[in-house]
PDB file of N, CA and C in Angstrom:
ATOM      1  N   MET A   1     -74.683 -45.208-188.869  1.00  0.00           N
ATOM      2  CA  MET A   1     -74.598 -46.545-188.334  1.00  0.00           C
ATOM      3  C   MET A   1     -75.996 -47.174-188.323  1.00  0.00           C
ATOM      4  N   ARG A   2     -76.108 -48.387-188.909  1.00  0.00           N
ATOM      5  CA  ARG A   2     -77.401 -49.092-188.983  1.00  0.00           C
ATOM      6  C   ARG A   2     -77.531 -50.095-187.850  1.00  0.00           C
ATOM      7  N   LEU A   3     -78.713 -50.118-187.255  1.00  0.00           N
ATOM      8  CA  LEU A   3     -78.992 -51.109-186.219  1.00  0.00           C
ATOM      9  C   LEU A   3     -79.641 -52.337-186.844  1.00  0.00           C
ATOM     10  N   PHE A   4     -79.466 -53.434-186.192  1.00  0.00           N
ATOM     11  CA  PHE A   4     -80.124 -54.665-186.628  1.00  0.00           C
ATOM     12  C   PHE A   4     -81.634 -54.452-186.524  1.00  0.00           C
ATOM     13  N   PRO A   5     -82.446 -54.686-187.586  1.00  0.00           N
ATOM     14  CA  PRO A   5     -83.868 -54.315-187.590  1.00  0.00           C
ATOM     15  C   PRO A   5     -84.693 -54.843-186.414  1.00  0.00           C
ATOM     16  N   PRO A   6     -84.574 -56.102-185.951  1.00  0.00           N
ATOM     17  CA  PRO A   6     -85.387 -56.499-184.793  1.00  0.00           C
ATOM     18  C   PRO A   6     -85.040 -55.733-183.516  1.00  0.00           C
ATOM     19  N   LEU A   7     -83.803 -55.323-183.379  1.00  0.00           N
ATOM     20  CA  LEU A   7     -83.419 -54.583-182.176  1.00  0.00           C
ATOM     21  C   LEU A   7     -83.945 -53.151-182.200  1.00  0.00           C
ATOM     22  N   ALA A   8     -84.240 -52.631-183.373  1.00  0.00           N
ATOM     23  CA  ALA A   8     -84.698 -51.255-183.477  1.00  0.00           C
ATOM     24  C   ALA A   8     -86.114 -51.086-182.934  1.00  0.00           C
ATOM     25  N   PHE A   9     -86.931 -52.144-182.926  1.00  0.00           N
ATOM     26  CA  PHE A   9     -88.325 -52.034-182.505  1.00  0.00           C
ATOM     27  C   PHE A   9     -88.552 -52.419-181.043  1.00  0.00           C
ATOM     28  N   ILE A  10     -87.536 -52.730-180.318  1.00  0.00           N
ATOM     29  CA  ILE A  10     -87.698 -53.164-178.943  1.00  0.00           C
ATOM     30  C   ILE A  10     -88.262 -52.033-178.084  1.00  0.00           C
ATOM     31  N   LYS A  11     -87.822 -50.841-178.276  1.00  0.00           N
ATOM     32  CA  LYS A  11     -88.263 -49.715-177.450  1.00  0.00           C
ATOM     33  C   LYS A  11     -89.702 -49.318-177.756  1.00  0.00           C
ATOM     34  N   ARG A  12     -90.195 -49.602-178.931  1.00  0.00           N
ATOM     35  CA  ARG A  12     -91.524 -49.186-179.325  1.00  0.00           C
ATOM     36  C   ARG A  12     -92.622 -50.201-178.967  1.00  0.00           C
ATOM     37  N   SER A  13     -92.277 -51.399-178.581  1.00  0.00           N
ATOM     38  CA  SER A  13     -93.288 -52.417-178.306  1.00  0.00           C
ATOM     39  C   SER A  13     -94.026 -52.125-177.007  1.00  0.00           C
ATOM     40  N   ARG A  14     -95.267 -52.645-176.941  1.00  0.00           N
ATOM     41  CA  ARG A  14     -96.099 -52.451-175.759  1.00  0.00           C
ATOM     42  C   ARG A  14     -95.737 -53.450-174.678  1.00  0.00           C
ATOM     43  N   ALA A  15     -95.931 -53.070-173.471  1.00  0.00           N
ATOM     44  CA  ALA A  15     -95.652 -53.972-172.361  1.00  0.00           C
ATOM     45  C   ALA A  15     -96.765 -55.004-172.249  1.00  0.00           C
ATOM     46  N   VAL A  16     -96.424 -56.216-171.894  1.00  0.00           N
ATOM     47  CA  VAL A  16     -97.403 -57.284-171.723  1.00  0.00           C
ATOM     48  C   VAL A  16     -98.118 -57.070-170.399  1.00  0.00           C
ATOM     49  N   PRO A  17     -99.475 -57.121-170.390  1.00  0.00           N
ATOM     50  CA  PRO A  17    -100.185 -56.905-169.117  1.00  0.00           C
ATOM     51  C   PRO A  17     -99.896 -58.030-168.128  1.00  0.00           C
ATOM     52  N   GLN A  18     -99.793 -57.652-166.870  1.00  0.00           N
ATOM     53  CA  GLN A  18     -99.458 -58.621-165.834  1.00  0.00           C
ATOM     54  C   GLN A  18    -100.637 -59.523-165.480  1.00  0.00           C
ATOM     55  N   GLU A  19    -101.853 -58.957-165.455  1.00  0.00           N
ATOM     56  CA  GLU A  19    -103.037 -59.737-165.109  1.00  0.00           C
ATOM     57  C   GLU A  19    -103.854 -60.003-166.371  1.00  0.00           C
ATOM     58  N   PRO A  20    -104.434 -61.186-166.494  1.00  0.00           N
ATOM     59  CA  PRO A  20    -105.269 -61.448-167.670  1.00  0.00           C
ATOM     60  C   PRO A  20    -106.545 -60.613-167.626  1.00  0.00           C
ATOM     61  N   VAL A  21    -107.032 -60.261-168.793  1.00  0.00           N
ATOM     62  CA  VAL A  21    -108.244 -59.458-168.888  1.00  0.00           C
ATOM     63  C   VAL A  21    -109.440 -60.352-168.596  1.00  0.00           C
ATOM     64  N   PRO A  22    -110.321 -59.960-167.654  1.00  0.00           N
ATOM     65  CA  PRO A  22    -111.480 -60.821-167.336  1.00  0.00           C
ATOM     66  C   PRO A  22    -112.500 -60.792-168.475  1.00  0.00           C
ATOM     67  N   TYR A  23    -113.106 -61.939-168.742  1.00  0.00           N
ATOM     68  CA  TYR A  23    -114.119 -62.042-169.797  1.00  0.00           C
ATOM     69  C   TYR A  23    -115.470 -61.650-169.228  1.00  0.00           C
ATOM     70  N   LYS A  24    -116.183 -60.766-169.951  1.00  0.00           N
ATOM     71  CA  LYS A  24    -117.501 -60.326-169.512  1.00  0.00           C
ATOM     72  C   LYS A  24    -118.555 -61.100-170.292  1.00  0.00           C
ATOM     73  N   TYR A  25    -119.401 -61.829-169.582  1.00  0.00           N
ATOM     74  CA  TYR A  25    -120.442 -62.625-170.213  1.00  0.00           C
ATOM     75  C   TYR A  25    -121.625 -61.735-170.561  1.00  0.00           C
ATOM     76  N   SER A  26    -122.015 -61.730-171.833  1.00  0.00           N
ATOM     77  CA  SER A  26    -123.189 -60.959-172.236  1.00  0.00           C
ATOM     78  C   SER A  26    -124.466 -61.762-172.019  1.00  0.00           C
ATOM     79  N   VAL A  27    -124.351 -63.090-172.086  1.00  0.00           N
ATOM     80  CA  VAL A  27    -125.485 -63.994-171.877  1.00  0.00           C
ATOM     81  C   VAL A  27    -125.021 -65.059-170.890  1.00  0.00           C
ATOM     82  N   PRO A  28    -125.850 -65.456-169.941  1.00  0.00           N
ATOM     83  CA  PRO A  28    -125.413 -66.503-169.010  1.00  0.00           C
ATOM     84  C   PRO A  28    -125.150 -67.822-169.734  1.00  0.00           C
ATOM     85  N   LEU A  29    -124.155 -68.545-169.248  1.00  0.00           N
ATOM     86  CA  LEU A  29    -123.745 -69.795-169.876  1.00  0.00           C
ATOM     87  C   LEU A  29    -124.611 -70.953-169.377  1.00  0.00           C
ATOM     88  N   LYS A  30    -125.780 -71.104-169.962  1.00  0.00           N
ATOM     89  CA  LYS A  30    -126.628 -72.246-169.646  1.00  0.00           C
ATOM     90  C   LYS A  30    -127.474 -72.568-170.875  1.00  0.00           C
ATOM     91  N   LEU A  31    -127.914 -73.810-170.953  1.00  0.00           N
ATOM     92  CA  LEU A  31    -128.702 -74.254-172.100  1.00  0.00           C
ATOM     93  C   LEU A  31    -130.134 -73.750-172.013  1.00  0.00           C
ATOM     94  N   LYS A  32    -130.780 -73.665-173.164  1.00  0.00           N
ATOM     95  CA  LYS A  32    -132.190 -73.307-173.182  1.00  0.00           C
ATOM     96  C   LYS A  32    -133.008 -74.518-172.738  1.00  0.00           C
ATOM     97  N   GLN A  33    -134.310 -74.305-172.531  1.00  0.00           N
ATOM     98  CA  GLN A  33    -135.166 -75.378-172.033  1.00  0.00           C
ATOM     99  C   GLN A  33    -135.566 -76.366-173.126  1.00  0.00           C
ATOM    100  N   GLY A  34    -135.370 -76.012-174.390  1.00  0.00           N
ATOM    101  CA  GLY A  34    -135.747 -76.917-175.470  1.00  0.00           C
ATOM    102  C   GLY A  34    -134.996 -76.600-176.747  1.00  0.00           C
ATOM    103  N   VAL A  35    -135.143 -77.485-177.726  1.00  0.00           N
ATOM    104  CA  VAL A  35    -134.499 -77.344-179.019  1.00  0.00           C
ATOM    105  C   VAL A  35    -135.592 -77.206-180.071  1.00  0.00           C
ATOM    106  N   SER A  36    -135.347 -76.380-181.087  1.00  0.00           N
ATOM    107  CA  SER A  36    -136.354 -76.192-182.132  1.00  0.00           C
ATOM    108  C   SER A  36    -136.447 -77.438-183.016  1.00  0.00           C
ATOM    109  N   ASN A  37    -137.530 -77.565-183.732  1.00  0.00           N
ATOM    110  CA  ASN A  37    -137.757 -78.742-184.576  1.00  0.00           C
ATOM    111  C   ASN A  37    -137.268 -78.547-186.003  1.00  0.00           C
ATOM    112  N   LYS A  38    -136.388 -77.617-186.229  1.00  0.00           N
ATOM    113  CA  LYS A  38    -135.877 -77.367-187.571  1.00  0.00           C
ATOM    114  C   LYS A  38    -134.823 -78.403-187.928  1.00  0.00           C
ATOM    115  N   GLY A  39    -134.709 -78.699-189.213  1.00  0.00           N
ATOM    116  CA  GLY A  39    -133.659 -79.583-189.690  1.00  0.00           C
ATOM    117  C   GLY A  39    -133.836 -81.014-189.232  1.00  0.00           C
ATOM    118  N   GLY A  40    -132.727 -81.734-189.176  1.00  0.00           N
ATOM    119  CA  GLY A  40    -132.759 -83.109-188.712  1.00  0.00           C
ATOM    120  C   GLY A  40    -133.307 -84.087-189.726  1.00  0.00           C
ATOM    121  N   LYS A  41    -133.306 -83.703-190.993  1.00  0.00           N
ATOM    122  CA  LYS A  41    -133.830 -84.605-192.008  1.00  0.00           C
ATOM    123  C   LYS A  41    -132.763 -85.632-192.375  1.00  0.00           C
ATOM    124  N   ILE A  42    -133.189 -86.871-192.475  1.00  0.00           N
ATOM    125  CA  ILE A  42    -132.283 -87.967-192.778  1.00  0.00           C
ATOM    126  C   ILE A  42    -132.309 -88.226-194.279  1.00  0.00           C
ATOM    127  N   SER A  43    -131.163 -88.496-194.843  1.00  0.00           N
ATOM    128  CA  SER A  43    -131.061 -88.741-196.267  1.00  0.00           C
ATOM    129  C   SER A  43    -131.803 -90.029-196.641  1.00  0.00           C
ATOM    130  N   GLU A  44    -132.525 -89.984-197.733  1.00  0.00           N
ATOM    131  CA  GLU A  44    -133.305 -91.135-198.177  1.00  0.00           C
ATOM    132  C   GLU A  44    -132.545 -92.006-199.191  1.00  0.00           C
ATOM    133  N   VAL A  45    -131.264 -91.774-199.354  1.00  0.00           N
ATOM    134  CA  VAL A  45    -130.474 -92.535-200.312  1.00  0.00           C
ATOM    135  C   VAL A  45    -130.100 -93.874-199.687  1.00  0.00           C
ATOM    136  N   CYS A  46    -130.362 -94.955-200.429  1.00  0.00           N
ATOM    137  CA  CYS A  46    -130.041 -96.283-199.910  1.00  0.00           C
ATOM    138  C   CYS A  46    -129.714 -97.227-201.061  1.00  0.00           C
ATOM    139  N   CYS A  47    -129.008 -98.290-200.770  1.00  0.00           N
ATOM    140  CA  CYS A  47    -128.740 -99.405-201.689  1.00  0.00           C
ATOM    141  C   CYS A  47    -128.133 -98.953-203.011  1.00  0.00           C
ATOM    142  N   ILE A  48    -127.229 -97.996-202.970  1.00  0.00           N
ATOM    143  CA  ILE A  48    -126.611 -97.488-204.199  1.00  0.00           C
ATOM    144  C   ILE A  48    -125.760 -98.566-204.863  1.00  0.00           C
ATOM    145  N   HIS A  49    -124.984 -99.274-204.071  1.00  0.00           N
ATOM    146  CA  HIS A  49    -124.106-100.302-204.637  1.00  0.00           C
ATOM    147  C   HIS A  49    -124.913-101.414-205.298  1.00  0.00           C
ATOM    148  N   GLU A  50    -125.934-101.895-204.610  1.00  0.00           N
ATOM    149  CA  GLU A  50    -126.764-102.970-205.165  1.00  0.00           C
ATOM    150  C   GLU A  50    -127.473-102.513-206.442  1.00  0.00           C
ATOM    151  N   MET A  51    -127.905-101.256-206.451  1.00  0.00           N
ATOM    152  CA  MET A  51    -128.589-100.733-207.627  1.00  0.00           C
ATOM    153  C   MET A  51    -127.640-100.636-208.820  1.00  0.00           C
ATOM    154  N   SER A  52    -126.412-100.187-208.583  1.00  0.00           N
ATOM    155  CA  SER A  52    -125.453-100.070-209.687  1.00  0.00           C
ATOM    156  C   SER A  52    -125.066-101.440-210.234  1.00  0.00           C
ATOM    157  N   VAL A  53    -124.918-102.438-209.347  1.00  0.00           N
ATOM    158  CA  VAL A  53    -124.614-103.800-209.809  1.00  0.00           C
ATOM    159  C   VAL A  53    -125.774-104.356-210.629  1.00  0.00           C
ATOM    160  N   MET A  54    -126.989-104.096-210.172  1.00  0.00           N
ATOM    161  CA  MET A  54    -128.171-104.576-210.896  1.00  0.00           C
ATOM    162  C   MET A  54    -128.269-103.927-212.273  1.00  0.00           C
ATOM    163  N   PHE A  55    -128.061-102.625-212.354  1.00  0.00           N
ATOM    164  CA  PHE A  55    -128.157-101.947-213.647  1.00  0.00           C
ATOM    165  C   PHE A  55    -127.046-102.360-214.602  1.00  0.00           C
ATOM    166  N   SER A  56    -125.841-102.598-214.075  1.00  0.00           N
ATOM    167  CA  SER A  56    -124.765-103.053-214.968  1.00  0.00           C
ATOM    168  C   SER A  56    -125.062-104.446-215.513  1.00  0.00           C
ATOM    169  N   CYS A  57    -125.646-105.307-214.682  1.00  0.00           N
ATOM    170  CA  CYS A  57    -126.022-106.647-215.149  1.00  0.00           C
ATOM    171  C   CYS A  57    -127.130-106.549-216.202  1.00  0.00           C
ATOM    172  N   LEU A  58    -128.114-105.702-215.943  1.00  0.00           N
ATOM    173  CA  LEU A  58    -129.199-105.537-216.917  1.00  0.00           C
ATOM    174  C   LEU A  58    -128.678-104.960-218.237  1.00  0.00           C
ATOM    175  N   LYS A  59    -127.736-104.048-218.156  1.00  0.00           N
ATOM    176  CA  LYS A  59    -127.169-103.467-219.367  1.00  0.00           C
ATOM    177  C   LYS A  59    -126.395-104.514-220.171  1.00  0.00           C
ATOM    178  N   ASP A  60    -125.631-105.354-219.463  1.00  0.00           N
ATOM    179  CA  ASP A  60    -124.861-106.396-220.146  1.00  0.00           C
ATOM    180  C   ASP A  60    -125.768-107.436-220.802  1.00  0.00           C
ATOM    181  N   ASN A  61    -126.933-107.690-220.196  1.00  0.00           N
ATOM    182  CA  ASN A  61    -127.840-108.734-220.704  1.00  0.00           C
ATOM    183  C   ASN A  61    -129.038-108.149-221.449  1.00  0.00           C
ATOM    184  N   GLU A  62    -128.890-106.937-221.960  1.00  0.00           N
ATOM    185  CA  GLU A  62    -129.908-106.281-222.771  1.00  0.00           C
ATOM    186  C   GLU A  62    -131.252-106.194-222.043  1.00  0.00           C
ATOM    187  N   PHE A  63    -131.211-105.873-220.758  1.00  0.00           N
ATOM    188  CA  PHE A  63    -132.375-105.622-219.902  1.00  0.00           C
ATOM    189  C   PHE A  63    -133.357-106.790-219.839  1.00  0.00           C
ATOM    190  N   GLN A  64    -132.803-107.986-219.811  1.00  0.00           N
ATOM    191  CA  GLN A  64    -133.627-109.175-219.578  1.00  0.00           C
ATOM    192  C   GLN A  64    -133.497-109.530-218.102  1.00  0.00           C
ATOM    193  N   GLN A  65    -134.613-109.447-217.425  1.00  0.00           N
ATOM    194  CA  GLN A  65    -134.589-109.599-215.977  1.00  0.00           C
ATOM    195  C   GLN A  65    -134.332-111.045-215.542  1.00  0.00           C
ATOM    196  N   GLN A  66    -134.618-112.007-216.380  1.00  0.00           N
ATOM    197  CA  GLN A  66    -134.424-113.416-216.007  1.00  0.00           C
ATOM    198  C   GLN A  66    -132.940-113.752-215.849  1.00  0.00           C
ATOM    199  N   LEU A  67    -132.070-113.075-216.577  1.00  0.00           N
ATOM    200  CA  LEU A  67    -130.642-113.371-216.502  1.00  0.00           C
ATOM    201  C   LEU A  67    -129.960-112.704-215.305  1.00  0.00           C
ATOM    202  N   CYS A  68    -130.598-111.713-214.712  1.00  0.00           N
ATOM    203  CA  CYS A  68    -130.021-110.996-213.561  1.00  0.00           C
ATOM    204  C   CYS A  68    -130.846-111.240-212.302  1.00  0.00           C
ATOM    205  N   HIS A  69    -131.218-112.474-212.094  1.00  0.00           N
ATOM    206  CA  HIS A  69    -132.106-112.828-210.985  1.00  0.00           C
ATOM    207  C   HIS A  69    -131.471-112.520-209.618  1.00  0.00           C
ATOM    208  N   LYS A  70    -130.190-112.878-209.449  1.00  0.00           N
ATOM    209  CA  LYS A  70    -129.521-112.685-208.158  1.00  0.00           C
ATOM    210  C   LYS A  70    -129.390-111.204-207.805  1.00  0.00           C
ATOM    211  N   GLU A  71    -129.017-110.396-208.781  1.00  0.00           N
ATOM    212  CA  GLU A  71    -128.811-108.970-208.541  1.00  0.00           C
ATOM    213  C   GLU A  71    -130.116-108.265-208.173  1.00  0.00           C
ATOM    214  N   VAL A  72    -131.200-108.633-208.852  1.00  0.00           N
ATOM    215  CA  VAL A  72    -132.497-108.026-208.565  1.00  0.00           C
ATOM    216  C   VAL A  72    -132.960-108.411-207.168  1.00  0.00           C
ATOM    217  N   GLU A  73    -132.754-109.674-206.793  1.00  0.00           N
ATOM    218  CA  GLU A  73    -133.139-110.121-205.454  1.00  0.00           C
ATOM    219  C   GLU A  73    -132.337-109.419-204.366  1.00  0.00           C
ATOM    220  N   SER A  74    -131.023-109.249-204.594  1.00  0.00           N
ATOM    221  CA  SER A  74    -130.203-108.566-203.584  1.00  0.00           C
ATOM    222  C   SER A  74    -130.624-107.106-203.433  1.00  0.00           C
ATOM    223  N   PHE A  75    -130.995-106.456-204.535  1.00  0.00           N
ATOM    224  CA  PHE A  75    -131.469-105.072-204.443  1.00  0.00           C
ATOM    225  C   PHE A  75    -132.791-105.000-203.687  1.00  0.00           C
ATOM    226  N   GLN A  76    -133.714-105.898-203.986  1.00  0.00           N
ATOM    227  CA  GLN A  76    -135.007-105.891-203.299  1.00  0.00           C
ATOM    228  C   GLN A  76    -134.846-106.200-201.812  1.00  0.00           C
ATOM    229  N   LYS A  77    -133.947-107.104-201.489  1.00  0.00           N
ATOM    230  CA  LYS A  77    -133.690-107.447-200.089  1.00  0.00           C
ATOM    231  C   LYS A  77    -133.110-106.249-199.336  1.00  0.00           C
ATOM    232  N   CYS A  78    -132.184-105.550-199.973  1.00  0.00           N
ATOM    233  CA  CYS A  78    -131.589-104.363-199.364  1.00  0.00           C
ATOM    234  C   CYS A  78    -132.649-103.288-199.156  1.00  0.00           C
ATOM    235  N   TYR A  79    -133.516-103.089-200.115  1.00  0.00           N
ATOM    236  CA  TYR A  79    -134.530-102.042-200.009  1.00  0.00           C
ATOM    237  C   TYR A  79    -135.562-102.369-198.931  1.00  0.00           C
ATOM    238  N   THR A  80    -135.969-103.631-198.827  1.00  0.00           N
ATOM    239  CA  THR A  80    -136.934-103.989-197.779  1.00  0.00           C
ATOM    240  C   THR A  80    -136.320-103.821-196.385  1.00  0.00           C
ATOM    241  N   SER A  81    -135.026-104.165-196.239  1.00  0.00           N
ATOM    242  CA  SER A  81    -134.375-103.965-194.935  1.00  0.00           C
ATOM    243  C   SER A  81    -134.257-102.475-194.622  1.00  0.00           C
ATOM    244  N   PHE A  82    -134.017-101.646-195.636  1.00  0.00           N
ATOM    245  CA  PHE A  82    -133.970-100.202-195.424  1.00  0.00           C
ATOM    246  C   PHE A  82    -135.328 -99.675-194.958  1.00  0.00           C
ATOM    247  N   LEU A  83    -136.407-100.161-195.572  1.00  0.00           N
ATOM    248  CA  LEU A  83    -137.745 -99.703-195.195  1.00  0.00           C
ATOM    249  C   LEU A  83    -138.099-100.106-193.768  1.00  0.00           C
ATOM    250  N   THR A  84    -137.743-101.329-193.371  1.00  0.00           N
ATOM    251  CA  THR A  84    -138.037-101.754-192.002  1.00  0.00           C
ATOM    252  C   THR A  84    -137.243-100.932-190.990  1.00  0.00           C
ATOM    253  N   ASP A  85    -135.962-100.650-191.296  1.00  0.00           N
ATOM    254  CA  ASP A  85    -135.154 -99.808-190.403  1.00  0.00           C
ATOM    255  C   ASP A  85    -135.739 -98.403-190.305  1.00  0.00           C
ATOM    256  N   LYS A  86    -136.194 -97.892-191.431  1.00  0.00           N
ATOM    257  CA  LYS A  86    -136.771 -96.544-191.450  1.00  0.00           C
ATOM    258  C   LYS A  86    -138.050 -96.491-190.616  1.00  0.00           C
ATOM    259  N   ASN A  87    -138.896 -97.516-190.740  1.00  0.00           N
ATOM    260  CA  ASN A  87    -140.139 -97.555-189.961  1.00  0.00           C
ATOM    261  C   ASN A  87    -139.860 -97.674-188.467  1.00  0.00           C
ATOM    262  N   GLN A  88    -138.892 -98.501-188.099  1.00  0.00           N
ATOM    263  CA  GLN A  88    -138.534 -98.636-186.689  1.00  0.00           C
ATOM    264  C   GLN A  88    -137.987 -97.324-186.142  1.00  0.00           C
ATOM    265  N   ARG A  89    -137.159 -96.640-186.926  1.00  0.00           N
ATOM    266  CA  ARG A  89    -136.588 -95.365-186.502  1.00  0.00           C
ATOM    267  C   ARG A  89    -137.687 -94.316-186.313  1.00  0.00           C
ATOM    268  N   SER A  90    -138.646 -94.288-187.247  1.00  0.00           N
ATOM    269  CA  SER A  90    -139.725 -93.297-187.120  1.00  0.00           C
ATOM    270  C   SER A  90    -140.612 -93.591-185.912  1.00  0.00           C
ATOM    271  N   GLU A  91    -140.850 -94.879-185.604  1.00  0.00           N
ATOM    272  CA  GLU A  91    -141.632 -95.233-184.416  1.00  0.00           C
ATOM    273  C   GLU A  91    -140.918 -94.794-183.140  1.00  0.00           C
ATOM    274  N   ARG A  92    -139.591 -95.005-183.075  1.00  0.00           N
ATOM    275  CA  ARG A  92    -138.822 -94.572-181.914  1.00  0.00           C
ATOM    276  C   ARG A  92    -138.857 -93.058-181.768  1.00  0.00           C
ATOM    277  N   GLU A  93    -138.784 -92.356-182.900  1.00  0.00           N
ATOM    278  CA  GLU A  93    -138.808 -90.897-182.844  1.00  0.00           C
ATOM    279  C   GLU A  93    -140.160 -90.380-182.373  1.00  0.00           C
ATOM    280  N   MET A  94    -141.238 -91.021-182.817  1.00  0.00           N
ATOM    281  CA  MET A  94    -142.573 -90.577-182.400  1.00  0.00           C
ATOM    282  C   MET A  94    -142.776 -90.780-180.897  1.00  0.00           C
ATOM    283  N   LYS A  95    -142.237 -91.876-180.364  1.00  0.00           N
ATOM    284  CA  LYS A  95    -142.371 -92.152-178.940  1.00  0.00           C
ATOM    285  C   LYS A  95    -141.389 -91.334-178.106  1.00  0.00           C
ATOM    286  N   GLY A  96    -140.312 -90.865-178.740  1.00  0.00           N
ATOM    287  CA  GLY A  96    -139.302 -90.100-178.012  1.00  0.00           C
ATOM    288  C   GLY A  96    -138.341 -90.985-177.246  1.00  0.00           C
ATOM    289  N   LEU A  97    -138.233 -92.258-177.630  1.00  0.00           N
ATOM    290  CA  LEU A  97    -137.330 -93.178-176.945  1.00  0.00           C
ATOM    291  C   LEU A  97    -135.882 -92.852-177.307  1.00  0.00           C
ATOM    292  N   LEU A  98    -135.005 -92.976-176.325  1.00  0.00           N
ATOM    293  CA  LEU A  98    -133.589 -92.729-176.539  1.00  0.00           C
ATOM    294  C   LEU A  98    -132.893 -94.031-176.900  1.00  0.00           C
ATOM    295  N   THR A  99    -132.091 -93.993-177.945  1.00  0.00           N
ATOM    296  CA  THR A  99    -131.342 -95.158-178.372  1.00  0.00           C
ATOM    297  C   THR A  99    -129.900 -94.986-177.921  1.00  0.00           C
ATOM    298  N   PRO A 100    -129.387 -95.859-177.061  1.00  0.00           N
ATOM    299  CA  PRO A 100    -128.004 -95.690-176.595  1.00  0.00           C
ATOM    300  C   PRO A 100    -127.008 -95.933-177.726  1.00  0.00           C
ATOM    301  N   GLY A 101    -126.012 -95.070-177.791  1.00  0.00           N
ATOM    302  CA  GLY A 101    -124.955 -95.206-178.788  1.00  0.00           C
ATOM    303  C   GLY A 101    -125.292 -94.622-180.145  1.00  0.00           C
ATOM    304  N   GLU A 102    -126.413 -93.943-180.282  1.00  0.00           N
ATOM    305  CA  GLU A 102    -126.767 -93.360-181.579  1.00  0.00           C
ATOM    306  C   GLU A 102    -126.028 -92.041-181.763  1.00  0.00           C
ATOM    307  N   LYS A 103    -125.508 -91.833-182.981  1.00  0.00           N
ATOM    308  CA  LYS A 103    -124.697 -90.648-183.232  1.00  0.00           C
ATOM    309  C   LYS A 103    -125.544 -89.387-183.346  1.00  0.00           C
ATOM    310  N   ARG A 104    -126.674 -89.483-183.996  1.00  0.00           N
ATOM    311  CA  ARG A 104    -127.519 -88.313-184.199  1.00  0.00           C
ATOM    312  C   ARG A 104    -128.815 -88.490-183.428  1.00  0.00           C
ATOM    313  N   MET A 105    -129.240 -87.416-182.800  1.00  0.00           N
ATOM    314  CA  MET A 105    -130.492 -87.446-182.041  1.00  0.00           C
ATOM    315  C   MET A 105    -131.456 -86.449-182.665  1.00  0.00           C
ATOM    316  N   THR A 106    -132.731 -86.769-182.597  1.00  0.00           N
ATOM    317  CA  THR A 106    -133.740 -85.856-183.104  1.00  0.00           C
ATOM    318  C   THR A 106    -134.022 -84.779-182.066  1.00  0.00           C
ATOM    319  N   SER A 107    -134.750 -83.769-182.489  1.00  0.00           N
ATOM    320  CA  SER A 107    -135.067 -82.680-181.564  1.00  0.00           C
ATOM    321  C   SER A 107    -135.973 -83.165-180.438  1.00  0.00           C
ATOM    322  N   LYS A 108    -136.851 -84.121-180.731  1.00  0.00           N
ATOM    323  CA  LYS A 108    -137.714 -84.652-179.674  1.00  0.00           C
ATOM    324  C   LYS A 108    -136.892 -85.392-178.621  1.00  0.00           C
ATOM    325  N   GLN A 109    -135.914 -86.173-179.069  1.00  0.00           N
ATOM    326  CA  GLN A 109    -135.074 -86.894-178.125  1.00  0.00           C
ATOM    327  C   GLN A 109    -134.245 -85.929-177.273  1.00  0.00           C
ATOM    328  N   LEU A 110    -133.732 -84.864-177.894  1.00  0.00           N
ATOM    329  CA  LEU A 110    -132.978 -83.872-177.134  1.00  0.00           C
ATOM    330  C   LEU A 110    -133.859 -83.161-176.119  1.00  0.00           C
ATOM    331  N   ASN A 111    -135.098 -82.878-176.503  1.00  0.00           N
ATOM    332  CA  ASN A 111    -136.013 -82.226-175.560  1.00  0.00           C
ATOM    333  C   ASN A 111    -136.331 -83.137-174.380  1.00  0.00           C
ATOM    334  N   VAL A 112    -136.424 -84.455-174.632  1.00  0.00           N
ATOM    335  CA  VAL A 112    -136.646 -85.411-173.537  1.00  0.00           C
ATOM    336  C   VAL A 112    -135.460 -85.375-172.573  1.00  0.00           C
ATOM    337  N   LEU A 113    -134.242 -85.329-173.117  1.00  0.00           N
ATOM    338  CA  LEU A 113    -133.056 -85.267-172.259  1.00  0.00           C
ATOM    339  C   LEU A 113    -132.997 -83.959-171.474  1.00  0.00           C
ATOM    340  N   LEU A 114    -133.351 -82.855-172.117  1.00  0.00           N
ATOM    341  CA  LEU A 114    -133.321 -81.566-171.418  1.00  0.00           C
ATOM    342  C   LEU A 114    -134.370 -81.502-170.313  1.00  0.00           C
ATOM    343  N   LYS A 115    -135.514 -82.167-170.502  1.00  0.00           N
ATOM    344  CA  LYS A 115    -136.515 -82.208-169.435  1.00  0.00           C
ATOM    345  C   LYS A 115    -136.066 -83.126-168.299  1.00  0.00           C
ATOM    346  N   LYS A 116    -135.343 -84.181-168.656  1.00  0.00           N
ATOM    347  CA  LYS A 116    -134.882 -85.125-167.650  1.00  0.00           C
ATOM    348  C   LYS A 116    -133.776 -84.502-166.785  1.00  0.00           C
ATOM    349  N   TYR A 117    -132.902 -83.710-167.395  1.00  0.00           N
ATOM    350  CA  TYR A 117    -131.795 -83.065-166.690  1.00  0.00           C
ATOM    351  C   TYR A 117    -131.893 -81.551-166.900  1.00  0.00           C
ATOM    352  N   PRO A 118    -132.738 -80.860-166.128  1.00  0.00           N
ATOM    353  CA  PRO A 118    -132.908 -79.412-166.331  1.00  0.00           C
ATOM    354  C   PRO A 118    -131.704 -78.625-165.814  1.00  0.00           C
ATOM    355  N   ASN A 119    -131.652 -77.356-166.240  1.00  0.00           N
ATOM    356  CA  ASN A 119    -130.585 -76.463-165.772  1.00  0.00           C
ATOM    357  C   ASN A 119    -130.809 -76.095-164.313  1.00  0.00           C
ATOM    358  N   LEU A 120    -129.713 -75.928-163.597  1.00  0.00           N
ATOM    359  CA  LEU A 120    -129.810 -75.470-162.210  1.00  0.00           C
ATOM    360  C   LEU A 120    -129.830 -73.956-162.210  1.00  0.00           C
ATOM    361  N   GLU A 121    -130.710 -73.389-161.455  1.00  0.00           N
ATOM    362  CA  GLU A 121    -130.845 -71.919-161.417  1.00  0.00           C
ATOM    363  C   GLU A 121    -129.898 -71.333-160.406  1.00  0.00           C
TER     364      GLU A 121
END
């Protein structure tokens, strides 16, 4: 006589423990006093769309810059705005100023926050 296979293993299964197993912490759950200065490099890629439009115009007009005046100006305008934003960002980073609503923070900014709100002992 054959038993239904799931019913055959009922007697062999382990009993479920009544109390949950306590977790043992190997390291205390608190932040360190600072963050290392590794990484955090920002990509230097900018104005890709404007550059591609400018190059397609130059290609169509046999690389005569006078015929693609608007495209060249829009690319230069985009690049100058990128440079000003980059300079402002680097000045803020050097001073350690916190920018509200910024998605990424530098290690200096994080260290300023950790000094402002230290861990409780």
